[in-house]
All heavy atoms as atom14 arrays in JSON, in Angstrom:
{
  "sequence": "LSQLIHTIELVKERLNPDIEIEGVVFTMYDARTNLSLQVVENVKENLN",
  "atom14_mask": [
    [1, 1, 1, 1, 1, 1, 1, 1, 0, 0, 0, 0, 0, 0],
    [1, 1, 1, 1, 1, 1, 0, 0, 0, 0, 0, 0, 0, 0],
    [1, 1, 1, 1, 1, 1, 1, 1, 1, 0, 0, 0, 0, 0],
    [1, 1, 1, 1, 1, 1, 1, 1, 0, 0, 0, 0, 0, 0],
    [1, 1, 1, 1, 1, 1, 1, 1, 0, 0, 0, 0, 0, 0],
    [1, 1, 1, 1, 1, 1, 1, 1, 1, 1, 0, 0, 0, 0],
    [1, 1, 1, 1, 1, 1, 1, 0, 0, 0, 0, 0, 0, 0],
    [1, 1, 1, 1, 1, 1, 1, 1, 0, 0, 0, 0, 0, 0],
    [1, 1, 1, 1, 1, 1, 1, 1, 1, 0, 0, 0, 0, 0],
    [1, 1, 1, 1, 1, 1, 1, 1, 0, 0, 0, 0, 0, 0],
    [1, 1, 1, 1, 1, 1, 1, 0, 0, 0, 0, 0, 0, 0],
    [1, 1, 1, 1, 1, 1, 1, 1, 1, 0, 0, 0, 0, 0],
    [1, 1, 1, 1, 1, 1, 1, 1, 1, 0, 0, 0, 0, 0],
    [1, 1, 1, 1, 1, 1, 1, 1, 1, 1, 1, 0, 0, 0],
    [1, 1, 1, 1, 1, 1, 1, 1, 0, 0, 0, 0, 0, 0],
    [1, 1, 1, 1, 1, 1, 1, 1, 0, 0, 0, 0, 0, 0],
    [1, 1, 1, 1, 1, 1, 1, 0, 0, 0, 0, 0, 0, 0],
    [1, 1, 1, 1, 1, 1, 1, 1, 0, 0, 0, 0, 0, 0],
    [1, 1, 1, 1, 1, 1, 1, 1, 0, 0, 0, 0, 0, 0],
    [1, 1, 1, 1, 1, 1, 1, 1, 1, 0, 0, 0, 0, 0],
    [1, 1, 1, 1, 1, 1, 1, 1, 0, 0, 0, 0, 0, 0],
    [1, 1, 1, 1, 1, 1, 1, 1, 1, 0, 0, 0, 0, 0],
    [1, 1, 1, 1, 0, 0, 0, 0, 0, 0, 0, 0, 0, 0],
    [1, 1, 1, 1, 1, 1, 1, 0, 0, 0, 0, 0, 0, 0],
    [1, 1, 1, 1, 1, 1, 1, 0, 0, 0, 0, 0, 0, 0],
    [1, 1, 1, 1, 1, 1, 1, 1, 1, 1, 1, 0, 0, 0],
    [1, 1, 1, 1, 1, 1, 1, 0, 0, 0, 0, 0, 0, 0],
    [1, 1, 1, 1, 1, 1, 1, 1, 0, 0, 0, 0, 0, 0],
    [1, 1, 1, 1, 1, 1, 1, 1, 1, 1, 1, 1, 0, 0],
    [1, 1, 1, 1, 1, 1, 1, 1, 0, 0, 0, 0, 0, 0],
    [1, 1, 1, 1, 1, 0, 0, 0, 0, 0, 0, 0, 0, 0],
    [1, 1, 1, 1, 1, 1, 1, 1, 1, 1, 1, 0, 0, 0],
    [1, 1, 1, 1, 1, 1, 1, 0, 0, 0, 0, 0, 0, 0],
    [1, 1, 1, 1, 1, 1, 1, 1, 0, 0, 0, 0, 0, 0],
    [1, 1, 1, 1, 1, 1, 1, 1, 0, 0, 0, 0, 0, 0],
    [1, 1, 1, 1, 1, 1, 0, 0, 0, 0, 0, 0, 0, 0],
    [1, 1, 1, 1, 1, 1, 1, 1, 0, 0, 0, 0, 0, 0],
    [1, 1, 1, 1, 1, 1, 1, 1, 1, 0, 0, 0, 0, 0],
    [1, 1, 1, 1, 1, 1, 1, 0, 0, 0, 0, 0, 0, 0],
    [1, 1, 1, 1, 1, 1, 1, 0, 0, 0, 0, 0, 0, 0],
    [1, 1, 1, 1, 1, 1, 1, 1, 1, 0, 0, 0, 0, 0],
    [1, 1, 1, 1, 1, 1, 1, 1, 0, 0, 0, 0, 0, 0],
    [1, 1, 1, 1, 1, 1, 1, 0, 0, 0, 0, 0, 0, 0],
    [1, 1, 1, 1, 1, 1, 1, 1, 1, 0, 0, 0, 0, 0],
    [1, 1, 1, 1, 1, 1, 1, 1, 1, 0, 0, 0, 0, 0],
    [1, 1, 1, 1, 1, 1, 1, 1, 0, 0, 0, 0, 0, 0],
    [1, 1, 1, 1, 1, 1, 1, 1, 0, 0, 0, 0, 0, 0],
    [1, 1, 1, 1, 1, 1, 1, 1, 0, 0, 0, 0, 0, 0]
  ],
  "atom14_positions": [
    [[0.83, -1.21, 0.0], [0.0, 0.0, 0.0], [0.86, 1.26, 0.0], [0.57, 2.23, -0.69], [-0.93, -0.01, 1.22], [-2.11, 0.93, 1.14], [-2.99, 0.61, -0.06], [-2.94, 0.86, 2.41], [0.0, 0.0, 0.0], [0.0, 0.0, 0.0], [0.0, 0.0, 0.0], [0.0, 0.0, 0.0], [0.0, 0.0, 0.0], [0.0, 0.0, 0.0]],
    [[1.97, 1.2, 0.75], [2.86, 2.37, 0.8], [3.47, 2.61, -0.58], [3.66, 3.76, -1.0], [3.95, 2.18, 1.84], [4.63, 0.97, 1.6], [0.0, 0.0, 0.0], [0.0, 0.0, 0.0], [0.0, 0.0, 0.0], [0.0, 0.0, 0.0], [0.0, 0.0, 0.0], [0.0, 0.0, 0.0], [0.0, 0.0, 0.0], [0.0, 0.0, 0.0]],
    [[3.73, 1.52, -1.3], [4.28, 1.64, -2.67], [3.26, 2.31, -3.59], [3.6, 3.18, -4.4], [4.62, 0.24, -3.19], [5.42, 0.26, -4.49], [5.57, -1.15, -5.07], [5.16, -2.13, -4.47], [6.14, -1.23, -6.25], [0.0, 0.0, 0.0], [0.0, 0.0, 0.0], [0.0, 0.0, 0.0], [0.0, 0.0, 0.0], [0.0, 0.0, 0.0]],
    [[1.99, 1.91, -3.45], [0.93, 2.51, -4.26], [0.79, 4.0, -3.95], [0.7, 4.83, -4.86], [-0.4, 1.79, -4.01], [-1.63, 2.35, -4.72], [-1.49, 2.21, -6.24], [-2.9, 1.66, -4.25], [0.0, 0.0, 0.0], [0.0, 0.0, 0.0], [0.0, 0.0, 0.0], [0.0, 0.0, 0.0], [0.0, 0.0, 0.0], [0.0, 0.0, 0.0]],
    [[0.79, 4.33, -2.65], [0.66, 5.74, -2.24], [1.85, 6.55, -2.76], [1.69, 7.67, -3.24], [0.49, 5.85, -0.71], [-0.89, 5.3, -0.32], [0.65, 7.28, -0.23], [-1.09, 5.04, 1.15], [0.0, 0.0, 0.0], [0.0, 0.0, 0.0], [0.0, 0.0, 0.0], [0.0, 0.0, 0.0], [0.0, 0.0, 0.0], [0.0, 0.0, 0.0]],
    [[3.04, 5.95, -2.71], [4.25, 6.61, -3.23], [4.1, 6.88, -4.74], [4.44, 7.96, -5.23], [5.47, 5.73, -2.96], [6.75, 6.29, -3.51], [7.28, 7.5, -3.09], [7.59, 5.83, -4.48], [8.39, 7.75, -3.76], [8.61, 6.75, -4.61], [0.0, 0.0, 0.0], [0.0, 0.0, 0.0], [0.0, 0.0, 0.0], [0.0, 0.0, 0.0]],
    [[3.56, 5.89, -5.47], [3.34, 6.06, -6.92], [2.36, 7.2, -7.19], [2.6, 8.04, -8.07], [2.8, 4.75, -7.55], [3.73, 3.7, -7.28], [2.6, 4.89, -9.04], [0.0, 0.0, 0.0], [0.0, 0.0, 0.0], [0.0, 0.0, 0.0], [0.0, 0.0, 0.0], [0.0, 0.0, 0.0], [0.0, 0.0, 0.0], [0.0, 0.0, 0.0]],
    [[1.28, 7.24, -6.42], [0.29, 8.31, -6.59], [0.95, 9.67, -6.33], [0.73, 10.64, -7.08], [-0.92, 8.09, -5.65], [-1.67, 6.81, -6.05], [-1.88, 9.3, -5.7], [-2.68, 6.31, -5.01], [0.0, 0.0, 0.0], [0.0, 0.0, 0.0], [0.0, 0.0, 0.0], [0.0, 0.0, 0.0], [0.0, 0.0, 0.0], [0.0, 0.0, 0.0]],
    [[1.79, 9.73, -5.3], [2.47, 11.0, -4.98], [3.44, 11.42, -6.08], [3.57, 12.6, -6.41], [3.19, 10.89, -3.63], [2.21, 10.99, -2.46], [2.79, 10.53, -1.14], [3.97, 10.09, -1.12], [2.06, 10.59, -0.12], [0.0, 0.0, 0.0], [0.0, 0.0, 0.0], [0.0, 0.0, 0.0], [0.0, 0.0, 0.0], [0.0, 0.0, 0.0]],
    [[4.12, 10.42, -6.68], [5.03, 10.72, -7.8], [4.26, 11.25, -9.0], [4.69, 12.2, -9.66], [5.79, 9.45, -8.21], [7.06, 9.1, -7.44], [7.66, 7.82, -8.01], [8.08, 10.22, -7.51], [0.0, 0.0, 0.0], [0.0, 0.0, 0.0], [0.0, 0.0, 0.0], [0.0, 0.0, 0.0], [0.0, 0.0, 0.0], [0.0, 0.0, 0.0]],
    [[3.13, 10.61, -9.31], [2.29, 11.06, -10.43], [1.82, 12.49, -10.16], [1.84, 13.35, -11.05], [1.08, 10.11, -10.64], [0.08, 10.7, -11.61], [1.56, 8.75, -11.15], [0.0, 0.0, 0.0], [0.0, 0.0, 0.0], [0.0, 0.0, 0.0], [0.0, 0.0, 0.0], [0.0, 0.0, 0.0], [0.0, 0.0, 0.0], [0.0, 0.0, 0.0]],
    [[1.43, 12.76, -8.93], [0.95, 14.1, -8.54], [2.06, 15.14, -8.72], [1.84, 16.23, -9.23], [0.48, 14.05, -7.08], [-0.17, 15.34, -6.59], [-0.65, 15.18, -5.16], [-1.19, 16.46, -4.58], [-2.47, 16.86, -5.14], [0.0, 0.0, 0.0], [0.0, 0.0, 0.0], [0.0, 0.0, 0.0], [0.0, 0.0, 0.0], [0.0, 0.0, 0.0]],
    [[3.26, 14.75, -8.32], [4.4, 15.67, -8.37], [4.85, 15.95, -9.81], [5.18, 17.08, -10.16], [5.53, 15.0, -7.58], [6.74, 15.83, -7.29], [7.8, 14.98, -6.59], [7.48, 14.34, -5.55], [8.92, 14.91, -7.11], [0.0, 0.0, 0.0], [0.0, 0.0, 0.0], [0.0, 0.0, 0.0], [0.0, 0.0, 0.0], [0.0, 0.0, 0.0]],
    [[4.82, 14.91, -10.66], [5.46, 15.03, -11.97], [4.51, 15.11, -13.16], [4.88, 15.6, -14.23], [6.41, 13.85, -12.2], [7.51, 13.8, -11.16], [8.43, 12.64, -11.35], [9.36, 12.53, -10.23], [10.27, 11.6, -10.1], [10.39, 10.67, -11.03], [11.08, 11.57, -9.07], [0.0, 0.0, 0.0], [0.0, 0.0, 0.0], [0.0, 0.0, 0.0]],
    [[3.29, 14.55, -13.01], [2.44, 14.38, -14.18], [1.04, 14.97, -14.04], [0.52, 15.59, -14.96], [2.31, 12.88, -14.52], [3.6, 12.16, -14.92], [3.41, 10.65, -14.87], [4.07, 12.59, -16.31], [0.0, 0.0, 0.0], [0.0, 0.0, 0.0], [0.0, 0.0, 0.0], [0.0, 0.0, 0.0], [0.0, 0.0, 0.0], [0.0, 0.0, 0.0]],
    [[0.41, 14.73, -12.89], [-0.98, 15.18, -12.72], [-1.13, 15.8, -11.33], [-1.48, 15.12, -10.36], [-1.94, 13.99, -12.88], [-3.39, 14.38, -12.66], [-3.73, 15.56, -12.5], [-4.28, 13.4, -12.64], [0.0, 0.0, 0.0], [0.0, 0.0, 0.0], [0.0, 0.0, 0.0], [0.0, 0.0, 0.0], [0.0, 0.0, 0.0], [0.0, 0.0, 0.0]],
    [[-0.9, 17.13, -11.22], [-0.93, 17.79, -9.91], [-2.3, 17.74, -9.23], [-2.4, 17.99, -8.03], [-0.53, 19.24, -10.23], [-0.7, 19.39, -11.7], [-0.54, 18.05, -12.31], [0.0, 0.0, 0.0], [0.0, 0.0, 0.0], [0.0, 0.0, 0.0], [0.0, 0.0, 0.0], [0.0, 0.0, 0.0], [0.0, 0.0, 0.0], [0.0, 0.0, 0.0]],
    [[-3.35, 17.39, -9.99], [-4.7, 17.41, -9.42], [-5.14, 16.08, -8.8], [-6.18, 16.0, -8.16], [-5.73, 17.79, -10.51], [-5.44, 19.18, -11.07], [-4.99, 20.04, -10.29], [-5.65, 19.4, -12.28], [0.0, 0.0, 0.0], [0.0, 0.0, 0.0], [0.0, 0.0, 0.0], [0.0, 0.0, 0.0], [0.0, 0.0, 0.0], [0.0, 0.0, 0.0]],
    [[-4.34, 15.02, -8.99], [-4.78, 13.7, -8.5], [-4.75, 13.66, -6.96], [-3.84, 14.19, -6.34], [-3.9, 12.56, -9.1], [-4.5, 11.17, -8.84], [-2.48, 12.59, -8.58], [-5.43, 10.69, -9.89], [0.0, 0.0, 0.0], [0.0, 0.0, 0.0], [0.0, 0.0, 0.0], [0.0, 0.0, 0.0], [0.0, 0.0, 0.0], [0.0, 0.0, 0.0]],
    [[-5.77, 13.07, -6.38], [-5.85, 12.9, -4.93], [-6.25, 11.46, -4.63], [-6.78, 10.77, -5.49], [-6.94, 13.82, -4.33], [-6.75, 15.31, -4.57], [-5.61, 15.91, -3.77], [-5.13, 15.23, -2.83], [-5.19, 17.04, -4.07], [0.0, 0.0, 0.0], [0.0, 0.0, 0.0], [0.0, 0.0, 0.0], [0.0, 0.0, 0.0], [0.0, 0.0, 0.0]],
    [[-6.04, 11.04, -3.39], [-6.54, 9.73, -3.0], [-8.0, 9.89, -2.59], [-8.33, 10.67, -1.69], [-5.7, 9.11, -1.87], [-4.29, 8.81, -2.4], [-6.36, 7.83, -1.34], [-3.36, 8.14, -1.43], [0.0, 0.0, 0.0], [0.0, 0.0, 0.0], [0.0, 0.0, 0.0], [0.0, 0.0, 0.0], [0.0, 0.0, 0.0], [0.0, 0.0, 0.0]],
    [[-8.87, 9.21, -3.31], [-10.31, 9.24, -3.04], [-10.58, 8.63, -1.67], [-11.33, 9.17, -0.86], [-11.01, 8.4, -4.13], [-12.46, 8.08, -3.88], [-13.4, 9.16, -4.37], [-13.01, 9.97, -5.22], [-14.51, 9.21, -3.86], [0.0, 0.0, 0.0], [0.0, 0.0, 0.0], [0.0, 0.0, 0.0], [0.0, 0.0, 0.0], [0.0, 0.0, 0.0]],
    [[-9.96, 7.49, -1.44], [-10.15, 6.82, -0.17], [-9.87, 5.34, -0.3], [-9.63, 4.81, -1.39], [0.0, 0.0, 0.0], [0.0, 0.0, 0.0], [0.0, 0.0, 0.0], [0.0, 0.0, 0.0], [0.0, 0.0, 0.0], [0.0, 0.0, 0.0], [0.0, 0.0, 0.0], [0.0, 0.0, 0.0], [0.0, 0.0, 0.0], [0.0, 0.0, 0.0]],
    [[-9.91, 4.69, 0.84], [-9.67, 3.24, 0.92], [-10.99, 2.57, 1.24], [-11.76, 3.04, 2.07], [-8.64, 2.96, 2.04], [-8.58, 1.48, 2.37], [-7.26, 3.48, 1.64], [0.0, 0.0, 0.0], [0.0, 0.0, 0.0], [0.0, 0.0, 0.0], [0.0, 0.0, 0.0], [0.0, 0.0, 0.0], [0.0, 0.0, 0.0], [0.0, 0.0, 0.0]],
    [[-11.27, 1.47, 0.53], [-12.49, 0.7, 0.84], [-12.08, -0.74, 1.16], [-11.3, -1.35, 0.45], [-13.53, 0.78, -0.3], [-12.99, 0.22, -1.61], [-14.81, 0.05, 0.09], [0.0, 0.0, 0.0], [0.0, 0.0, 0.0], [0.0, 0.0, 0.0], [0.0, 0.0, 0.0], [0.0, 0.0, 0.0], [0.0, 0.0, 0.0], [0.0, 0.0, 0.0]],
    [[-12.58, -1.23, 2.29], [-12.29, -2.61, 2.69], [-13.21, -3.57, 1.96], [-14.42, -3.35, 1.88], [-12.48, -2.77, 4.2], [-11.44, -2.06, 5.01], [-11.75, -0.89, 5.69], [-10.15, -2.55, 5.09], [-10.8, -0.23, 6.44], [-9.18, -1.89, 5.83], [-9.5, -0.73, 6.5], [0.0, 0.0, 0.0], [0.0, 0.0, 0.0], [0.0, 0.0, 0.0]],
    [[-12.6, -4.65, 1.44], [-13.38, -5.66, 0.71], [-13.18, -7.03, 1.38], [-12.25, -7.22, 2.17], [-12.92, -5.76, -0.75], [-11.55, -6.17, -0.78], [-13.05, -4.43, -1.48], [0.0, 0.0, 0.0], [0.0, 0.0, 0.0], [0.0, 0.0, 0.0], [0.0, 0.0, 0.0], [0.0, 0.0, 0.0], [0.0, 0.0, 0.0], [0.0, 0.0, 0.0]],
    [[-14.05, -7.96, 1.01], [-13.95, -9.35, 1.48], [-13.91, -9.43, 3.01], [-13.14, -10.19, 3.59], [-12.72, -10.04, 0.87], [-12.74, -9.97, -0.65], [-11.34, -10.82, -1.36], [-11.28, -10.05, -2.98], [0.0, 0.0, 0.0], [0.0, 0.0, 0.0], [0.0, 0.0, 0.0], [0.0, 0.0, 0.0], [0.0, 0.0, 0.0], [0.0, 0.0, 0.0]],
    [[-14.71, -8.62, 3.65], [-14.76, -8.59, 5.11], [-15.57, -9.78, 5.61], [-16.69, -10.01, 5.16], [-15.41, -7.28, 5.57], [-15.47, -7.11, 7.07], [-14.38, -6.63, 7.77], [-16.63, -7.44, 7.78], [-14.43, -6.48, 9.15], [-16.69, -7.29, 9.16], [-15.58, -6.8, 9.84], [-15.64, -6.65, 11.2], [0.0, 0.0, 0.0], [0.0, 0.0, 0.0]],
    [[-15.0, -10.5, 6.54], [-15.7, -11.65, 7.13], [-15.94, -11.35, 8.61], [-15.01, -11.4, 9.42], [-14.85, -12.91, 6.96], [-15.63, -14.17, 7.34], [-16.62, -14.05, 8.09], [-15.23, -15.27, 6.91], [0.0, 0.0, 0.0], [0.0, 0.0, 0.0], [0.0, 0.0, 0.0], [0.0, 0.0, 0.0], [0.0, 0.0, 0.0], [0.0, 0.0, 0.0]],
    [[-17.17, -11.06, 8.94], [-17.53, -10.67, 10.31], [-17.27, -11.79, 11.31], [-17.18, -11.55, 12.51], [-18.99, -10.25, 10.35], [0.0, 0.0, 0.0], [0.0, 0.0, 0.0], [0.0, 0.0, 0.0], [0.0, 0.0, 0.0], [0.0, 0.0, 0.0], [0.0, 0.0, 0.0], [0.0, 0.0, 0.0], [0.0, 0.0, 0.0], [0.0, 0.0, 0.0]],
    [[-17.12, -13.02, 10.82], [-16.93, -14.15, 11.73], [-15.49, -14.28, 12.21], [-15.2, -15.04, 13.12], [-17.35, -15.46, 11.04], [-18.82, -15.52, 10.67], [-19.09, -16.67, 9.73], [-18.25, -16.57, 8.53], [-18.23, -17.47, 7.55], [-19.0, -18.54, 7.63], [-17.46, -17.32, 6.5], [0.0, 0.0, 0.0], [0.0, 0.0, 0.0], [0.0, 0.0, 0.0]],
    [[-14.57, -13.54, 11.58], [-13.17, -13.69, 11.98], [-12.66, -12.44, 12.68], [-12.99, -11.31, 12.31], [-12.27, -13.94, 10.74], [-12.29, -12.76, 9.92], [-12.74, -15.12, 9.93], [0.0, 0.0, 0.0], [0.0, 0.0, 0.0], [0.0, 0.0, 0.0], [0.0, 0.0, 0.0], [0.0, 0.0, 0.0], [0.0, 0.0, 0.0], [0.0, 0.0, 0.0]],
    [[-11.84, -12.68, 13.69], [-11.19, -11.54, 14.37], [-10.21, -10.85, 13.44], [-9.98, -9.66, 13.56], [-10.43, -12.03, 15.61], [-11.39, -12.37, 16.74], [-12.47, -11.79, 16.82], [-10.99, -13.3, 17.59], [0.0, 0.0, 0.0], [0.0, 0.0, 0.0], [0.0, 0.0, 0.0], [0.0, 0.0, 0.0], [0.0, 0.0, 0.0], [0.0, 0.0, 0.0]],
    [[-9.65, -11.63, 12.51], [-8.63, -11.07, 11.62], [-9.16, -9.89, 10.83], [-8.51, -8.85, 10.73], [-8.1, -12.16, 10.67], [-7.05, -11.68, 9.66], [-5.79, -11.2, 10.38], [-6.69, -12.78, 8.68], [0.0, 0.0, 0.0], [0.0, 0.0, 0.0], [0.0, 0.0, 0.0], [0.0, 0.0, 0.0], [0.0, 0.0, 0.0], [0.0, 0.0, 0.0]],
    [[-10.37, -10.04, 10.25], [-10.94, -8.95, 9.46], [-11.02, -7.67, 10.28], [-10.66, -6.59, 9.82], [-12.34, -9.32, 8.96], [-12.25, -10.16, 7.83], [0.0, 0.0, 0.0], [0.0, 0.0, 0.0], [0.0, 0.0, 0.0], [0.0, 0.0, 0.0], [0.0, 0.0, 0.0], [0.0, 0.0, 0.0], [0.0, 0.0, 0.0], [0.0, 0.0, 0.0]],
    [[-11.48, -7.81, 11.51], [-11.61, -6.65, 12.4], [-10.25, -6.05, 12.71], [-10.07, -4.82, 12.68], [-12.3, -7.1, 13.7], [-12.82, -6.0, 14.62], [-13.83, -5.13, 13.89], [-13.46, -6.62, 15.86], [0.0, 0.0, 0.0], [0.0, 0.0, 0.0], [0.0, 0.0, 0.0], [0.0, 0.0, 0.0], [0.0, 0.0, 0.0], [0.0, 0.0, 0.0]],
    [[-9.26, -6.91, 12.96], [-7.91, -6.43, 13.27], [-7.3, -5.68, 12.09], [-6.63, -4.67, 12.26], [-7.01, -7.62, 13.64], [-7.26, -8.16, 15.04], [-6.62, -9.54, 15.23], [-5.91, -10.04, 14.35], [-6.9, -10.16, 16.37], [0.0, 0.0, 0.0], [0.0, 0.0, 0.0], [0.0, 0.0, 0.0], [0.0, 0.0, 0.0], [0.0, 0.0, 0.0]],
    [[-7.54, -6.19, 10.88], [-7.01, -5.54, 9.67], [-7.59, -4.13, 9.54], [-6.87, -3.16, 9.3], [-7.3, -6.38, 8.4], [-6.98, -5.58, 7.15], [-6.49, -7.66, 8.41], [0.0, 0.0, 0.0], [0.0, 0.0, 0.0], [0.0, 0.0, 0.0], [0.0, 0.0, 0.0], [0.0, 0.0, 0.0], [0.0, 0.0, 0.0], [0.0, 0.0, 0.0]],
    [[-8.9, -4.03, 9.73], [-9.55, -2.73, 9.62], [-8.95, -1.75, 10.64], [-8.59, -0.62, 10.31], [-11.09, -2.86, 9.82], [-11.74, -1.5, 9.96], [-11.71, -3.63, 8.66], [0.0, 0.0, 0.0], [0.0, 0.0, 0.0], [0.0, 0.0, 0.0], [0.0, 0.0, 0.0], [0.0, 0.0, 0.0], [0.0, 0.0, 0.0], [0.0, 0.0, 0.0]],
    [[-8.81, -2.21, 11.89], [-8.26, -1.34, 12.95], [-6.82, -0.96, 12.63], [-6.41, 0.19, 12.79], [-8.33, -2.05, 14.31], [-9.74, -2.26, 14.83], [-10.59, -0.99, 14.82], [-10.07, 0.07, 15.24], [-11.75, -1.03, 14.37], [0.0, 0.0, 0.0], [0.0, 0.0, 0.0], [0.0, 0.0, 0.0], [0.0, 0.0, 0.0], [0.0, 0.0, 0.0]],
    [[-6.05, -1.94, 12.16], [-4.63, -1.72, 11.85], [-4.47, -0.66, 10.75], [-3.64, 0.24, 10.84], [-4.02, -3.06, 11.4], [-2.52, -2.98, 11.24], [-1.89, -2.04, 11.72], [-1.95, -3.94, 10.57], [0.0, 0.0, 0.0], [0.0, 0.0, 0.0], [0.0, 0.0, 0.0], [0.0, 0.0, 0.0], [0.0, 0.0, 0.0], [0.0, 0.0, 0.0]],
    [[-5.26, -0.79, 9.69], [-5.16, 0.16, 8.58], [-5.59, 1.55, 9.05], [-4.94, 2.55, 8.73], [-6.01, -0.32, 7.38], [-6.05, 0.76, 6.3], [-5.44, -1.61, 6.79], [0.0, 0.0, 0.0], [0.0, 0.0, 0.0], [0.0, 0.0, 0.0], [0.0, 0.0, 0.0], [0.0, 0.0, 0.0], [0.0, 0.0, 0.0], [0.0, 0.0, 0.0]],
    [[-6.65, 1.61, 9.84], [-7.11, 2.92, 10.35], [-6.03, 3.6, 11.18], [-5.84, 4.81, 11.11], [-8.39, 2.75, 11.18], [-9.63, 2.55, 10.33], [-10.88, 2.39, 11.18], [-12.11, 2.27, 10.29], [-13.32, 1.94, 11.06], [0.0, 0.0, 0.0], [0.0, 0.0, 0.0], [0.0, 0.0, 0.0], [0.0, 0.0, 0.0], [0.0, 0.0, 0.0]],
    [[-5.31, 2.81, 11.97], [-4.26, 3.37, 12.83], [-3.05, 3.84, 12.02], [-2.41, 4.83, 12.35], [-3.78, 2.31, 13.83], [-4.71, 2.14, 15.03], [-4.37, 0.88, 15.82], [-3.21, 0.41, 15.74], [-5.29, 0.35, 16.49], [0.0, 0.0, 0.0], [0.0, 0.0, 0.0], [0.0, 0.0, 0.0], [0.0, 0.0, 0.0], [0.0, 0.0, 0.0]],
    [[-2.75, 3.1, 10.95], [-1.49, 3.34, 10.23], [-1.63, 4.18, 8.97], [-0.64, 4.54, 8.35], [-0.84, 2.01, 9.86], [-0.3, 1.3, 11.08], [0.71, 1.71, 11.64], [-0.98, 0.26, 11.51], [0.0, 0.0, 0.0], [0.0, 0.0, 0.0], [0.0, 0.0, 0.0], [0.0, 0.0, 0.0], [0.0, 0.0, 0.0], [0.0, 0.0, 0.0]],
    [[-2.85, 4.44, 8.59], [-3.04, 5.1, 7.3], [-3.73, 6.44, 7.49], [-4.84, 6.52, 7.99], [-3.91, 4.19, 6.41], [-3.79, 4.39, 4.91], [-2.36, 4.12, 4.47], [-4.74, 3.46, 4.19], [0.0, 0.0, 0.0], [0.0, 0.0, 0.0], [0.0, 0.0, 0.0], [0.0, 0.0, 0.0], [0.0, 0.0, 0.0], [0.0, 0.0, 0.0]],
    [[-3.04, 7.46, 7.08], [-3.61, 8.8, 7.21], [-4.39, 9.15, 5.93], [-4.03, 10.04, 5.19], [-2.48, 9.81, 7.45], [-3.01, 11.19, 7.75], [-4.15, 11.33, 8.21], [-2.21, 12.2, 7.48], [0.0, 0.0, 0.0], [0.0, 0.0, 0.0], [0.0, 0.0, 0.0], [0.0, 0.0, 0.0], [0.0, 0.0, 0.0], [0.0, 0.0, 0.0]]
  ]
}
């Protein structure tokens, strides 16, 4: 994900100054597993 964000920032800097990150959407969420919940919390904590 950090690589993708870095690519977007490079494109913004060099090619398309108007591009922004729309947002992140979580997919394939399984309410029955603790892992899904942990991933969501982890990304929220680490991703501005």
